[in-house]
Amino acid sequence: MKKICLLLIGLLAMFSCEQENLEGFVQSGAEQVQTRAATSSIADFNQITELDGIPVNVLNVGNTSCRYLSAAPSNNVINLFMKDDKSLRQRWYVRTGNLALAGGNTSISSPPFTPIIRPNGDKTEPVLVGATSSSYIPTSFSFVPLGTYYNIKYHEFSFPSQGPELYLQADTRTGPTLKFKTPNSSDLALWEFVPVGNFRLVNVQYEKVVDAGDFVNRRDISLQGAVFPSLPNDVEHTITVSETIRESSTFTETSGITTQEQSSFNMGLQAGEASLPMINIGGSVSSSTTSSKTKSYAEAGGYDVTVSQTFKVMIPANTACTVEVLKMAYNTSLTYVATFEKLDGAEAGKKFRIKGKWNGIVSTFLYYNIYRAEDNKLIETRIIDEQ
């Protein structure tokens, strides 16, 4: 008797779960999908250290004319330049709290020296100096996130630190001069990093991070409806759906590391196809599996999707019914991490990650609901397929 009771309890629990899942996709109205917040995020990593070994352009945000951090051809002057002229003097490596020049300066030979940036004697301007390659490269700067960009803060060696905090920044909005100044609220003190070279997109992972404002809102799309009269026998009807719906996809990089300055970062069309997020029937997001759908990482906006399907429904005897055909869809904002691989130069094969925000509308399952016409009671719901 005890075994029978336990079996009945188990069956009731299973039935309850099945009913809950059924209700999860029957409702076609807008709703906020409830998913558990992740205890640890795929985006919990240091974005700057990801760039180790990757040449980058360092761009000033506030200067509208001269944006590129640059070294002079033959002396120790550090300033801003209007472009990457391919001399290597606008290309840098982020190493142990410093910026090491990729090349192009004849005053500091590498090897035996590594050309790095330090403040001048009175700490008002940056200069290029040589650190011996065999020794420890001193930490001169802290790269401090501020919004979607970075401050480059001079690192004091004394403890406690003496004097005001100093930030590397453009002196004006159009000129080439750089200064160390205390205020850091202006966009003249903000910087972003652009990886230089040819790259391919390896993969993209997605996650809903509640603290980051992510959401998954269900917005099912009604495609077609039909009314069937009451007949004395069960009747099977064929329904054909051929409709166009609108989806969208936009990747926005939010970490001060950008691939969207196309003058330096290059990625072929096929090398930049990103798999879109996998949203399960309950609205949860998989961080380990992505959809078979792909869109270009670099392109943003909406696109058309064709929904085409033929299927059969059974209308019960003596019952007038209406049939509604819908496509599950979600308006979403998710955290993503994209992994890129360098394809050219001495750094070929090196990978780095970029974190950002993905916003889009994705559709998943095609399904239908059958309602009894006299009281609009749901009598059947069924998933037809997934696209």
Protein backbone atom coordinates (compact mmCIF):
# COMPACT_ATOMS: atom_id res chain seq x y z
CA MET A 1 0.00 0.00 0.00
CA LYS A 2 2.87 2.35 0.86
CA LYS A 3 4.51 1.70 -2.54
CA ILE A 4 1.22 2.47 -4.33
CA CYS A 5 0.86 5.79 -2.48
CA LEU A 6 4.40 6.79 -3.34
CA LEU A 7 3.79 5.91 -6.99
CA LEU A 8 0.63 8.03 -7.08
CA ILE A 9 2.47 10.99 -5.54
CA GLY A 10 5.21 10.65 -8.17
CA LEU A 11 2.69 10.55 -11.01
CA LEU A 12 0.88 13.61 -9.66
CA ALA A 13 4.18 15.50 -9.47
CA MET A 14 5.02 14.55 -13.06
CA PHE A 15 1.56 15.62 -14.23
CA SER A 16 1.90 18.93 -12.42
CA CYS A 17 5.25 19.61 -14.14
CA GLU A 18 3.81 18.75 -17.53
CA GLN A 19 0.87 21.09 -16.98
CA GLU A 20 3.23 23.86 -15.94
CA ASN A 21 5.32 23.39 -19.10
CA LEU A 22 2.16 23.35 -21.23
CA GLU A 23 0.96 26.63 -19.76
CA GLY A 24 4.43 28.05 -20.38
CA PHE A 25 3.96 28.05 -24.15
CA VAL A 26 0.17 28.30 -24.51
CA GLN A 27 0.06 31.94 -23.42
CA SER A 28 0.67 34.17 -26.39
CA GLY A 29 0.62 37.54 -24.66
CA ALA A 30 3.59 39.61 -23.55
CA GLU A 31 5.28 38.55 -20.37
CA GLN A 32 8.55 38.84 -18.51
CA VAL A 33 10.15 35.41 -18.52
CA GLN A 34 11.45 34.50 -15.09
CA THR A 35 14.89 32.91 -15.12
CA ARG A 36 17.37 32.40 -12.33
CA ALA A 37 20.20 34.87 -12.08
CA ALA A 38 23.59 33.28 -12.64
CA THR A 39 25.79 33.01 -9.54
CA SER A 40 28.87 33.56 -11.70
CA SER A 41 29.00 35.21 -15.06
CA ILE A 42 30.76 34.22 -18.27
CA ALA A 43 31.77 37.91 -18.41
CA ASP A 44 33.74 37.77 -15.14
CA PHE A 45 37.20 38.32 -16.58
CA ASN A 46 39.70 41.16 -16.94
CA GLN A 47 39.18 42.64 -20.38
CA ILE A 48 42.63 44.30 -20.50
CA THR A 49 44.60 41.13 -19.76
CA GLU A 50 42.78 39.46 -22.66
CA LEU A 51 44.83 41.68 -24.98
CA ASP A 52 48.19 40.26 -23.89
CA GLY A 53 50.22 39.60 -27.04
CA ILE A 54 47.74 41.33 -29.37
CA PRO A 55 48.82 44.62 -31.02
CA VAL A 56 46.27 47.39 -30.46
CA ASN A 57 45.56 50.96 -31.44
CA VAL A 58 44.90 53.11 -28.37
CA LEU A 59 42.29 55.72 -29.32
CA ASN A 60 41.35 58.88 -27.45
CA VAL A 61 37.58 59.26 -27.20
CA GLY A 62 37.28 63.04 -26.91
CA ASN A 63 39.73 64.20 -29.57
CA THR A 64 37.92 64.57 -32.88
CA SER A 65 40.99 65.06 -35.09
CA CYS A 66 43.97 63.21 -33.60
CA ARG A 67 42.82 60.03 -31.88
CA TYR A 68 45.71 57.55 -32.16
CA LEU A 69 48.31 57.26 -29.38
CA SER A 70 51.58 57.57 -31.30
CA ALA A 71 55.36 57.66 -30.88
CA ALA A 72 57.70 59.93 -32.84
CA PRO A 73 59.98 58.38 -35.49
CA SER A 74 63.28 59.14 -33.76
CA ASN A 75 62.95 60.78 -30.32
CA ASN A 76 61.04 60.22 -27.09
CA VAL A 77 57.95 62.28 -27.91
CA ILE A 78 54.53 60.67 -27.35
CA ASN A 79 51.53 62.41 -28.88
CA LEU A 80 48.31 61.84 -30.81
CA PHE A 81 48.13 61.16 -34.54
CA MET A 82 45.24 61.21 -37.01
CA LYS A 83 45.49 57.59 -38.22
CA ASP A 84 47.39 54.30 -38.14
CA ASP A 85 50.01 54.96 -40.83
CA LYS A 86 51.29 51.34 -40.68
CA SER A 87 54.71 52.47 -39.39
CA LEU A 88 54.01 50.50 -36.14
CA ARG A 89 54.29 53.76 -34.19
CA GLN A 90 50.54 53.75 -33.51
CA ARG A 91 50.51 50.11 -32.42
CA TRP A 92 51.00 49.04 -28.83
CA TYR A 93 51.08 45.98 -26.59
CA VAL A 94 49.42 46.12 -23.18
CA ARG A 95 52.02 44.55 -20.88
CA THR A 96 52.28 44.42 -17.07
CA GLY A 97 50.56 47.73 -16.47
CA ASN A 98 52.29 49.50 -19.30
CA LEU A 99 52.07 50.23 -23.01
CA ALA A 100 54.94 48.85 -25.12
CA LEU A 101 55.49 50.24 -28.61
CA ALA A 102 55.28 47.69 -31.43
CA GLY A 103 58.04 49.39 -33.45
CA GLY A 104 58.94 52.24 -35.77
CA ASN A 105 61.05 54.35 -33.39
CA THR A 106 64.79 54.45 -34.21
CA SER A 107 65.92 55.99 -30.92
CA ILE A 108 65.09 52.93 -28.82
CA SER A 109 66.10 49.65 -30.42
CA SER A 110 64.10 46.55 -29.62
CA PRO A 111 65.86 44.35 -28.64
CA PRO A 112 67.69 44.84 -26.34
CA PHE A 113 65.23 47.46 -25.10
CA THR A 114 61.46 47.47 -24.91
CA PRO A 115 60.09 50.97 -25.66
CA ILE A 116 57.45 51.85 -23.06
CA ILE A 117 55.64 54.98 -21.89
CA ARG A 118 56.61 56.82 -18.69
CA PRO A 119 55.86 60.33 -17.37
CA ASN A 120 58.56 62.94 -17.88
CA GLY A 121 60.49 64.37 -14.93
CA ASP A 122 57.79 66.73 -13.70
CA LYS A 123 54.99 64.25 -14.53
CA THR A 124 53.22 66.55 -16.95
CA GLU A 125 53.71 64.71 -20.26
CA PRO A 126 54.34 61.13 -21.44
CA VAL A 127 57.70 60.15 -22.94
CA LEU A 128 59.08 57.01 -24.57
CA VAL A 129 61.81 55.23 -22.59
CA GLY A 130 63.59 51.89 -22.96
CA ALA A 131 63.24 49.04 -20.50
CA THR A 132 65.70 46.17 -20.84
CA SER A 133 63.92 43.17 -22.29
CA SER A 134 65.54 40.78 -19.84
CA SER A 135 64.38 42.67 -16.76
CA TYR A 136 61.00 43.33 -15.21
CA ILE A 137 59.05 46.01 -17.09
CA PRO A 138 57.90 48.52 -14.44
CA THR A 139 54.21 49.09 -13.87
CA SER A 140 53.47 52.67 -14.86
CA PHE A 141 49.72 52.67 -15.39
CA SER A 142 46.42 51.31 -14.19
CA PHE A 143 43.72 50.84 -16.80
CA VAL A 144 40.58 51.88 -14.94
CA PRO A 145 37.15 51.11 -16.46
CA LEU A 146 34.87 54.15 -16.65
CA GLY A 147 31.54 53.48 -18.32
CA THR A 148 32.27 51.77 -21.62
CA TYR A 149 35.81 53.17 -21.86
CA TYR A 150 39.04 53.36 -19.82
CA ASN A 151 41.08 55.91 -17.91
CA ILE A 152 44.85 55.47 -18.13
CA LYS A 153 45.97 56.37 -14.61
CA TYR A 154 49.59 56.94 -13.62
CA HIS A 155 50.64 54.39 -11.02
CA GLU A 156 52.49 55.85 -8.03
CA PHE A 157 55.31 53.73 -6.64
CA SER A 158 55.28 55.27 -3.14
CA PHE A 159 53.04 54.06 -0.34
CA PRO A 160 51.03 55.89 0.63
CA SER A 161 50.89 57.60 -2.75
CA GLN A 162 52.07 61.18 -2.85
CA GLY A 163 50.50 63.97 -4.84
CA PRO A 164 47.28 64.03 -6.89
CA GLU A 165 46.03 61.24 -9.12
CA LEU A 166 47.21 61.79 -12.69
CA TYR A 167 45.45 60.64 -15.86
CA LEU A 168 46.81 60.53 -19.39
CA GLN A 169 44.59 62.62 -21.65
CA ALA A 170 44.37 64.77 -24.74
CA ASP A 171 45.16 68.40 -24.01
CA THR A 172 42.58 69.70 -26.51
CA ARG A 173 39.85 68.32 -28.76
CA THR A 174 41.79 68.70 -32.00
CA GLY A 175 45.51 68.98 -31.21
CA PRO A 176 48.18 66.26 -30.88
CA THR A 177 49.46 67.14 -27.39
CA LEU A 178 49.06 64.75 -24.45
CA LYS A 179 49.17 65.76 -20.78
CA PHE A 180 48.92 64.18 -17.36
CA LYS A 181 46.08 65.91 -15.51
CA THR A 182 44.10 65.30 -12.36
CA PRO A 183 40.48 65.63 -13.58
CA ASN A 184 39.31 62.50 -15.38
CA SER A 185 35.62 63.19 -15.99
CA SER A 186 36.06 64.64 -19.50
CA ASP A 187 36.01 62.37 -22.54
CA LEU A 188 39.51 63.72 -23.27
CA ALA A 189 40.64 61.38 -20.48
CA LEU A 190 38.82 58.36 -21.94
CA TRP A 191 40.42 55.69 -24.14
CA GLU A 192 39.44 52.62 -26.10
CA PHE A 193 41.53 49.78 -27.53
CA VAL A 194 41.24 48.39 -31.07
CA PRO A 195 42.97 45.06 -31.88
CA VAL A 196 45.00 45.39 -35.09
CA GLY A 197 45.10 42.77 -37.85
CA ASN A 198 42.95 40.11 -39.48
CA PHE A 199 40.68 38.10 -37.20
CA ARG A 200 37.96 35.50 -37.22
CA LEU A 201 35.08 35.10 -34.79
CA VAL A 202 35.54 31.78 -32.98
CA ASN A 203 32.30 31.69 -30.98
CA VAL A 204 29.81 33.72 -28.96
CA GLN A 205 28.35 32.82 -25.56
CA TYR A 206 25.24 34.41 -24.07
CA GLU A 207 23.94 34.85 -20.55
CA LYS A 208 21.12 36.65 -18.79
CA VAL A 209 22.70 38.76 -16.04
CA VAL A 210 19.93 40.38 -13.99
CA ASP A 211 22.25 42.87 -12.30
CA ALA A 212 23.32 44.09 -15.75
CA GLY A 213 19.72 44.85 -16.73
CA ASP A 214 19.34 41.83 -19.02
CA PHE A 215 15.85 40.58 -19.81
CA VAL A 216 13.94 38.02 -21.87
CA ASN A 217 10.42 39.23 -22.68
CA ARG A 218 8.08 36.88 -24.49
CA ARG A 219 6.30 38.39 -27.50
CA ASP A 220 4.57 35.61 -29.42
CA ILE A 221 3.62 36.42 -33.01
CA SER A 222 0.15 35.44 -34.25
CA LEU A 223 0.47 34.12 -37.80
CA GLN A 224 -2.89 32.69 -38.80
CA GLY A 225 -6.36 31.79 -37.55
CA ALA A 226 -9.14 29.49 -38.75
CA VAL A 227 -12.73 28.68 -37.72
CA PHE A 228 -14.14 25.17 -38.14
CA PRO A 229 -17.88 24.36 -37.79
CA SER A 230 -19.38 21.64 -35.63
CA LEU A 231 -19.71 18.32 -37.48
CA PRO A 232 -21.05 14.94 -36.29
CA ASN A 233 -17.65 13.22 -36.62
CA ASP A 234 -14.03 13.98 -35.83
CA VAL A 235 -12.57 15.76 -38.86
CA GLU A 236 -8.90 16.20 -39.77
CA HIS A 237 -8.05 19.51 -41.44
CA THR A 238 -4.88 20.63 -43.20
CA ILE A 239 -3.49 24.07 -42.42
CA THR A 240 -0.74 25.75 -44.44
CA VAL A 241 1.21 28.67 -43.01
CA SER A 242 3.39 30.90 -45.17
CA GLU A 243 4.24 34.18 -43.47
CA THR A 244 7.14 36.57 -43.03
CA ILE A 245 8.10 37.76 -39.57
CA ARG A 246 10.66 40.28 -38.40
CA GLU A 247 13.64 39.44 -36.20
CA SER A 248 16.65 41.56 -35.22
CA SER A 249 20.21 41.28 -33.94
CA THR A 250 22.62 43.94 -32.64
CA PHE A 251 25.97 43.36 -30.92
CA THR A 252 27.18 46.33 -28.87
CA GLU A 253 30.66 46.18 -27.36
CA THR A 254 30.61 47.74 -23.89
CA SER A 255 34.04 47.12 -22.39
CA GLY A 256 36.35 49.69 -23.99
CA ILE A 257 37.70 47.07 -26.39
CA THR A 258 36.21 47.54 -29.84
CA THR A 259 36.34 45.74 -33.17
CA GLN A 260 34.22 48.36 -34.87
CA GLU A 261 37.07 50.66 -35.97
CA GLN A 262 37.41 48.92 -39.33
CA SER A 263 40.55 50.81 -40.34
CA SER A 264 42.60 48.52 -38.08
CA PHE A 265 40.42 45.53 -37.20
CA ASN A 266 39.61 43.37 -40.22
CA MET A 267 37.25 40.43 -40.37
CA GLY A 268 35.87 38.74 -43.48
CA LEU A 269 32.14 38.20 -43.91
CA GLN A 270 32.32 34.44 -43.36
CA ALA A 271 34.78 34.91 -40.50
CA GLY A 272 32.29 37.12 -38.68
CA GLU A 273 29.14 34.98 -38.61
CA ALA A 274 27.81 34.76 -35.05
CA SER A 275 25.47 32.07 -33.75
CA LEU A 276 22.45 33.62 -32.07
CA PRO A 277 21.32 32.75 -28.52
CA MET A 278 19.44 29.55 -27.76
CA ILE A 279 16.27 30.36 -25.83
CA ASN A 280 14.54 27.32 -24.41
CA ILE A 281 10.80 26.74 -24.28
CA GLY A 282 10.54 28.20 -20.77
CA GLY A 283 12.48 31.31 -21.76
CA SER A 284 15.79 30.35 -20.16
CA VAL A 285 19.04 31.12 -21.98
CA SER A 286 21.72 28.50 -22.56
CA SER A 287 25.28 29.75 -21.97
CA SER A 288 26.83 26.58 -23.43
CA THR A 289 24.65 26.02 -26.53
CA THR A 290 23.76 28.45 -29.29
CA SER A 291 21.12 28.41 -32.01
CA SER A 292 21.71 27.15 -35.53
CA LYS A 293 20.73 30.63 -36.72
CA THR A 294 23.62 32.96 -37.52
CA LYS A 295 23.94 36.67 -38.26
CA SER A 296 26.89 38.91 -38.99
CA TYR A 297 28.60 40.18 -35.84
CA ALA A 298 29.26 43.54 -37.50
CA GLU A 299 25.77 44.17 -38.89
CA ALA A 300 22.94 45.55 -36.77
CA GLY A 301 19.19 45.80 -37.20
CA GLY A 302 16.18 43.86 -38.39
CA TYR A 303 15.78 41.16 -41.00
CA ASP A 304 12.95 39.05 -42.45
CA VAL A 305 12.38 35.40 -41.60
CA THR A 306 10.01 33.21 -43.63
CA VAL A 307 7.80 30.80 -41.70
CA SER A 308 6.46 28.06 -43.98
CA GLN A 309 4.77 24.92 -42.68
CA THR A 310 1.91 22.53 -43.51
CA PHE A 311 0.37 20.44 -40.74
CA LYS A 312 -2.86 18.70 -39.73
CA VAL A 313 -5.26 19.37 -36.86
CA MET A 314 -8.06 17.14 -35.59
CA ILE A 315 -11.34 18.89 -34.77
CA PRO A 316 -13.49 16.82 -32.37
CA ALA A 317 -17.05 15.82 -33.24
CA ASN A 318 -19.94 18.13 -32.42
CA THR A 319 -17.60 20.99 -31.52
CA ALA A 320 -17.14 24.28 -33.34
CA CYS A 321 -13.51 25.35 -32.91
CA THR A 322 -11.10 28.14 -33.67
CA VAL A 323 -7.44 27.44 -34.37
CA GLU A 324 -4.70 29.98 -33.72
CA VAL A 325 -1.19 29.48 -35.15
CA LEU A 326 1.64 31.31 -33.39
CA LYS A 327 5.39 31.64 -33.37
CA MET A 328 7.09 31.94 -30.00
CA ALA A 329 9.27 35.05 -29.98
CA TYR A 330 11.36 36.87 -27.40
CA ASN A 331 12.45 40.48 -27.14
CA THR A 332 15.79 40.11 -25.40
CA SER A 333 18.80 41.93 -24.01
CA LEU A 334 21.64 39.61 -23.01
CA THR A 335 25.26 39.77 -21.94
CA TYR A 336 27.57 38.13 -24.45
CA VAL A 337 31.22 37.14 -24.68
CA ALA A 338 32.78 36.86 -28.15
CA THR A 339 36.07 35.03 -28.73
CA PHE A 340 38.29 36.16 -31.62
CA GLU A 341 41.43 34.60 -33.10
CA LYS A 342 44.19 36.52 -34.86
CA LEU A 343 44.97 35.16 -38.30
CA ASP A 344 48.05 37.10 -39.38
CA GLY A 345 51.49 38.20 -38.21
CA ALA A 346 53.67 36.79 -35.47
CA GLU A 347 50.62 36.69 -33.18
CA ALA A 348 48.60 34.36 -35.46
CA GLY A 349 46.62 31.88 -33.38
CA LYS A 350 46.32 34.12 -30.32
CA LYS A 351 42.79 34.54 -29.01
CA PHE A 352 41.06 37.17 -26.93
CA ARG A 353 37.56 37.77 -25.62
CA ILE A 354 35.29 40.81 -25.77
CA LYS A 355 32.23 41.31 -23.60
CA GLY A 356 29.18 43.29 -24.62
CA LYS A 357 25.41 43.48 -24.90
CA TRP A 358 23.28 41.68 -27.47
CA ASN A 359 19.81 43.07 -28.21
CA GLY A 360 17.42 41.34 -30.53
CA ILE A 361 14.17 39.60 -31.31
CA VAL A 362 14.38 35.86 -31.85
CA SER A 363 11.64 33.39 -32.69
CA THR A 364 11.71 29.74 -31.70
CA PHE A 365 8.81 27.28 -31.75
CA LEU A 366 5.85 27.25 -34.13
CA TYR A 367 2.72 26.00 -32.34
CA TYR A 368 -1.06 26.06 -32.47
CA ASN A 369 -3.91 26.37 -29.98
CA ILE A 370 -7.39 24.90 -30.51
CA TYR A 371 -10.22 26.63 -28.63
CA ARG A 372 -13.84 25.56 -28.23
CA ALA A 373 -15.82 28.31 -29.95
CA GLU A 374 -18.72 28.53 -27.52
CA ASP A 375 -16.64 29.48 -24.48
CA ASN A 376 -13.10 29.97 -25.87
CA LYS A 377 -11.80 27.14 -23.70
CA LEU A 378 -8.41 25.76 -24.73
CA ILE A 379 -8.79 22.10 -25.65
CA GLU A 380 -5.44 21.39 -27.33
CA THR A 381 -2.04 22.98 -27.83
CA ARG A 382 0.84 21.48 -29.75
CA ILE A 383 4.30 22.45 -30.95
CA ILE A 384 4.68 21.90 -34.70
CA ASP A 385 8.38 22.52 -35.16
CA GLU A 386 11.32 24.74 -34.23
CA GLN A 387 12.98 27.19 -36.61
